[in-house]
Protein backbone atom coordinates (compact mmCIF):
# COMPACT_ATOMS: atom_id res chain seq x y z
CA MET A 1 13.74 -3.61 11.12
CA LEU A 2 15.36 -0.23 10.61
CA GLU A 3 14.98 2.28 13.42
CA MET A 4 14.34 5.86 12.37
CA ARG A 5 14.67 9.13 14.23
CA GLN A 6 13.40 9.00 17.82
CA ASP A 7 11.96 11.98 19.71
CA SER A 8 9.30 12.90 22.26
CA ALA A 9 6.58 12.84 19.59
CA ARG A 10 7.04 9.09 19.16
CA SER A 11 6.17 8.48 22.81
CA MET A 12 3.04 10.58 22.39
CA PHE A 13 1.96 8.56 19.36
CA ALA A 14 2.68 5.26 21.09
CA LYS A 15 0.42 6.19 23.99
CA ALA A 16 -2.31 7.30 21.58
CA PHE A 17 -2.26 4.34 19.18
CA TYR A 18 -1.19 1.41 21.35
CA ARG A 19 -2.48 2.17 24.81
CA ASP A 20 -4.37 -0.37 26.90
CA GLU A 21 -6.85 0.48 29.62
CA PRO A 22 -5.30 0.06 33.06
CA LYS A 23 -6.30 -3.17 34.78
CA TRP A 24 -7.31 -1.33 37.93
CA LEU A 25 -10.10 0.34 35.93
CA THR A 26 -11.78 -3.05 35.51
CA TRP A 27 -11.45 -3.77 39.22
CA LEU A 28 -12.93 -0.35 39.99
CA PHE A 29 -16.00 -1.29 37.94
CA VAL A 30 -16.33 -4.71 39.59
CA ILE A 31 -16.03 -3.28 43.10
CA GLY A 32 -18.51 -0.56 42.22
CA VAL A 33 -21.07 -3.11 40.99
CA PHE A 34 -20.78 -5.31 44.08
CA THR A 35 -21.02 -2.33 46.43
CA SER A 36 -23.69 -0.48 44.49
CA PHE A 37 -26.21 -1.08 47.27
CA VAL A 38 -24.32 1.46 49.37
CA GLY A 39 -23.33 4.99 48.52
CA ILE A 40 -19.65 4.22 47.97
CA GLY A 41 -20.48 1.83 45.13
CA LEU A 42 -22.38 4.47 43.17
CA VAL A 43 -19.50 6.89 43.65
CA LEU A 44 -17.02 4.30 42.36
CA LEU A 45 -19.20 3.63 39.30
CA LEU A 46 -19.44 7.36 38.61
CA ILE A 47 -15.65 7.70 38.88
CA TRP A 48 -15.25 4.67 36.58
CA GLY A 49 -17.57 6.24 33.99
CA VAL A 50 -15.73 9.58 34.00
CA ILE A 51 -12.30 7.92 33.68
CA LYS A 52 -13.62 5.67 30.91
CA LEU A 53 -14.86 8.65 28.90
CA VAL A 54 -11.66 10.63 29.44
CA PHE A 55 -9.55 7.64 28.43
CA LYS A 56 -11.68 7.07 25.33
CA PHE A 57 -11.61 10.60 23.93
CA SER A 58 -8.21 11.88 25.08
CA GLY A 59 -6.09 9.51 23.00
CA SER A 60 -5.75 11.77 19.99
CA PHE A 61 -6.33 15.15 21.61
CA GLY A 62 -3.84 17.74 20.37
CA ILE A 63 -1.61 15.41 18.34
CA PHE A 64 -2.79 16.13 14.79
CA ASP A 65 -0.27 18.92 14.15
CA GLN A 66 2.54 16.93 15.77
CA TYR A 67 1.62 13.96 13.58
CA ASN A 68 1.92 15.97 10.35
CA ALA A 69 5.19 17.53 11.47
CA CYS A 70 6.60 14.08 12.26
CA VAL A 71 5.52 12.70 8.86
CA GLN A 72 7.33 15.57 7.14
CA LYS A 73 10.53 14.94 9.12
CA ASP A 74 10.31 11.24 8.34
CA ALA A 75 9.91 12.03 4.64
CA GLU A 76 13.23 13.91 4.62
CA PHE A 77 15.01 10.90 6.12
CA LEU A 78 13.29 8.43 3.81
CA LYS A 79 13.93 10.54 0.70
CA ASP A 80 17.68 10.22 1.20
CA ARG A 81 17.31 6.54 1.98
CA ALA A 82 15.26 5.99 -1.19
CA ILE A 83 17.95 7.49 -3.43
CA ASN A 84 20.63 5.37 -1.74
CA VAL A 85 18.63 2.16 -1.90
CA MET A 86 17.77 2.66 -5.58
CA GLY A 87 21.39 3.53 -6.36
CA LEU A 88 20.48 6.63 -8.34
CA ILE A 89 22.28 9.91 -8.86
CA GLU A 90 20.55 13.22 -9.41
CA GLU A 91 21.44 13.44 -13.10
CA GLU A 92 19.55 10.20 -13.78
CA PHE A 93 16.13 11.56 -12.82
CA SER A 94 16.36 15.19 -13.88
CA LEU A 95 13.64 14.88 -16.57
CA ILE A 96 10.88 15.96 -14.16
CA ASP A 97 10.64 16.33 -10.41
CA PRO A 98 10.32 13.06 -8.50
CA ILE A 99 7.03 12.33 -6.77
CA ILE A 100 7.37 12.18 -2.99
CA ALA A 101 4.31 11.01 -1.09
CA SER A 102 3.34 10.01 2.43
CA GLY A 103 -0.02 8.50 3.20
CA TYR A 104 -1.88 5.69 4.88
CA ALA A 105 -0.36 2.24 4.51
CA SER A 106 -2.94 0.87 2.09
CA ASP A 107 -1.45 -2.54 1.33
CA SER A 108 -3.48 -5.17 3.21
CA SER A 109 -0.36 -7.29 3.64
CA CYS A 110 1.10 -4.57 5.84
CA ILE A 111 -1.73 -4.45 8.35
CA HIS A 112 -0.13 -7.09 10.57
CA VAL A 113 3.64 -6.91 10.26
CA GLY A 114 6.47 -6.22 12.65
CA GLU A 115 6.67 -6.45 16.42
CA LYS A 116 5.43 -3.80 18.80
CA ILE A 117 8.45 -2.78 20.86
CA GLU A 118 7.64 -2.06 24.51
CA LYS A 119 9.96 -0.35 26.97
CA VAL A 120 9.90 -2.24 30.28
CA SER A 121 11.68 -1.75 33.59
CA PRO A 122 14.81 -3.78 34.47
CA THR A 123 12.79 -5.63 37.12
CA ARG A 124 10.22 -6.61 34.49
CA VAL A 125 12.98 -7.81 32.16
CA ILE A 126 14.40 -10.07 34.90
CA TRP A 127 10.93 -11.37 35.73
CA LEU A 128 10.18 -12.25 32.10
CA TRP A 129 13.58 -13.92 31.76
CA LEU A 130 12.92 -16.08 34.82
CA MET A 131 9.44 -17.00 33.59
CA ASN A 132 10.80 -17.96 30.18
CA LYS A 133 13.49 -20.15 31.68
CA VAL A 134 11.55 -21.80 34.49
CA CYS A 135 8.01 -22.07 33.15
CA PHE A 136 8.72 -22.15 29.42
CA TRP A 137 6.25 -19.28 29.11
CA ARG A 138 6.64 -16.38 26.77
CA LYS A 139 4.82 -13.11 26.92
CA PRO A 140 2.69 -12.73 23.75
CA GLU A 141 4.22 -10.21 21.37
CA LYS A 142 1.96 -7.40 20.30
CA ILE A 143 1.85 -6.76 16.56
CA SER A 144 1.86 -3.30 15.00
CA GLU A 145 -1.64 -2.77 13.69
CA HIS A 146 -3.50 -0.46 11.34
CA VAL A 147 -4.93 1.77 14.09
CA PHE A 148 -6.95 4.84 13.06
CA LEU A 149 -7.68 7.73 15.41
CA ASP A 150 -10.35 10.34 14.75
CA CYS A 151 -8.98 13.75 15.75
CA GLY A 152 -12.23 15.56 14.94
CA ASP A 153 -13.17 17.91 12.07
CA GLY A 154 -12.56 15.11 9.58
CA LYS A 155 -8.94 14.71 10.66
CA VAL A 156 -8.00 11.05 10.85
CA ILE A 157 -4.50 9.73 11.55
CA CYS A 158 -3.11 6.20 11.27
CA SER A 159 -0.41 4.28 13.12
CA LEU A 160 1.07 2.83 9.91
CA VAL A 161 2.36 5.19 7.22
CA THR A 162 3.51 4.50 3.68
CA PHE A 163 6.24 6.54 2.02
CA THR A 164 6.69 6.46 -1.76
CA TYR A 165 9.43 8.00 -3.89
CA ILE A 166 8.96 7.79 -7.68
CA ALA A 167 11.73 8.99 -10.02
CA PHE A 168 11.66 9.14 -13.81
CA THR A 169 14.81 8.21 -15.72
CA GLU A 170 15.39 8.11 -19.48
CA GLN A 171 14.21 4.50 -19.79
CA GLN A 172 11.85 3.78 -16.92
CA ALA A 173 10.02 4.85 -13.80
CA VAL A 174 11.66 3.63 -10.59
CA ALA A 175 10.10 3.67 -7.16
CA TYR A 176 11.02 3.08 -3.54
CA LYS A 177 8.24 2.26 -1.10
CA CYS A 178 8.26 1.54 2.59
CA TYR A 179 5.80 1.00 5.41
CA TYR A 180 6.66 2.19 8.88
CA ASP A 181 5.16 2.47 12.32
CA ILE A 182 5.09 6.16 13.17
CA ALA A 183 4.70 5.50 16.91
CA TYR A 184 7.97 3.58 17.18
CA GLY A 185 9.86 4.89 14.15
CA LEU A 186 10.42 1.40 12.75
CA ILE A 187 10.48 0.54 9.05
CA LEU A 188 8.44 -2.65 8.81
CA ASP A 189 8.81 -3.35 5.09
CA GLU A 190 10.47 -1.71 2.08
CA TYR A 191 10.98 -2.55 -1.57
CA THR A 192 11.82 -1.02 -4.94
CA ALA A 193 10.10 -1.35 -8.31
CA GLU A 194 11.08 -0.54 -11.89
CA ILE A 195 8.70 -0.21 -14.83
CA SER A 196 9.60 0.55 -18.42
CA TYR A 197 7.62 3.40 -19.96
CA ARG A 198 6.42 1.16 -22.79
CA ASP A 199 4.79 -1.17 -20.23
CA ILE A 200 2.72 1.55 -18.54
CA ASP A 201 -0.88 1.35 -19.76
CA THR A 202 -2.54 4.15 -17.82
CA VAL A 203 -1.82 6.84 -15.25
CA LYS A 204 -4.69 7.11 -12.80
CA TYR A 205 -5.01 9.86 -10.27
CA GLY A 206 -7.92 10.98 -8.11
CA ASP A 207 -9.44 11.35 -4.70
CA ASN A 208 -11.21 8.71 -2.69
CA LEU A 209 -12.85 8.43 0.72
CA LEU A 210 -11.65 5.63 2.95
CA HIS A 211 -14.09 4.32 5.54
CA VAL A 212 -11.98 3.38 8.55
CA TRP A 213 -12.75 2.24 12.07
CA SER A 214 -11.64 4.75 14.69
CA VAL A 215 -10.50 3.03 17.87
CA ASN A 216 -10.91 6.07 20.11
CA LYS A 217 -14.37 7.09 18.87
CA GLN A 218 -15.48 3.47 18.31
CA ASN A 219 -17.26 4.34 15.09
CA TRP A 220 -16.61 4.70 11.39
CA SER A 221 -14.83 7.76 10.04
CA LYS A 222 -14.12 9.03 6.54
CA ALA A 223 -10.61 9.94 5.47
CA LYS A 224 -9.85 11.68 2.16
CA ILE A 225 -7.02 10.06 0.20
CA SER A 226 -5.44 11.01 -3.12
CA TRP A 227 -4.22 8.05 -5.19
CA LEU A 228 -1.70 7.81 -8.00
CA ASN A 229 -1.32 4.57 -9.98
CA LEU A 230 1.01 3.79 -12.88
CA ASN A 231 -0.82 0.70 -14.14
CA VAL A 232 0.71 -2.07 -16.23
CA ALA A 233 -0.79 -5.23 -17.72
CA SER A 234 1.24 -7.49 -15.42
CA ASN A 235 -0.38 -5.90 -12.34
CA ASN A 236 3.08 -4.88 -11.14
CA ALA A 237 1.89 -1.30 -10.80
CA ILE A 238 3.59 1.57 -9.01
CA SER A 239 1.17 3.29 -6.66
CA ALA A 240 1.23 6.01 -4.04
CA SER A 241 -1.27 7.39 -1.57
CA PHE A 242 -1.37 10.91 -0.19
CA TYR A 243 -2.96 12.06 3.01
CA GLY A 244 -5.17 15.15 2.68
CA GLU A 245 -4.83 17.89 0.09
CA ASN A 246 -1.80 17.88 -2.19
CA THR A 247 -1.75 20.87 -4.54
CA VAL A 248 1.87 20.22 -5.54
CA LEU A 249 0.94 16.81 -6.82
CA ASN A 250 -1.91 18.26 -8.86
CA ASN A 251 0.69 20.25 -10.81
CA GLN A 252 2.98 17.23 -11.21
CA ILE A 253 0.45 14.81 -12.71
CA PRO A 254 0.19 16.53 -16.14
CA ALA A 255 4.01 16.48 -16.41
CA VAL A 256 4.07 12.76 -15.55
CA GLN A 257 1.37 11.98 -18.12
CA ALA A 258 3.11 14.01 -20.83
CA LEU A 259 6.48 12.36 -20.11
CA ILE A 260 5.06 8.84 -20.27
CA ARG A 261 3.22 9.56 -23.54
CA SER A 262 6.34 10.96 -25.18
CA LYS A 263 8.52 8.11 -23.93
CA LYS A 264 6.06 5.47 -25.15
CA GLU A 265 6.12 7.04 -28.61
CA GLU A 266 9.91 7.30 -28.52
CA LEU A 267 10.41 3.69 -27.41
CA ALA A 268 7.68 2.20 -29.63
């Protein structure tokens, strides 16, 4: 797995998306229940309830702007990587501007991929090493998951992000796509695709509402997504998803449709 840029924002996202309730919180509840017949038990249960609510609703507080800024920085890194991986030079895709999109990782095969990397103390590392050697026991590895957080006001963010770069050459449309964990800056999967203009049947573009489960609010939220699909009969389509409004893309779609129509006529 390729490691991307690391900064303080990553640590913030990791705590928001992949945090576990502290074990002592459970013990606080148990002690409070068994001592509820005295005043101290009721106080402990009240403290437990307050901490539980704070823990539940504070996970995504104040990170929406940082999330968008991080996605934009990641896009700059991945744009250069896309051009290198596809082996293209600027003159090859100068017909129209490439499409650059970042959105939710929509491919179901990407929901459970990659390992969640946890930073542990040296003492913990030694302890795990001893347990592995002596007891043949391994600590279960946590898997990066599709975790959605509701930031309020219809703002929903996701732990897994997809980046798509689509360029248009003289003969075909070429794309680079990758899925990465924004909390740890790890590329979990990446691939390229090439489609001849004559094989493209339709260009579909529009908005859709995704119904996603928010782990911090523990209810369903709606997230607006813009989709672009270059469909072909073989189902080997090139697709991209965009988070939120994308006015630049709205201006690009007519140019993409016109280019594909002209190329299909030219190559027919």
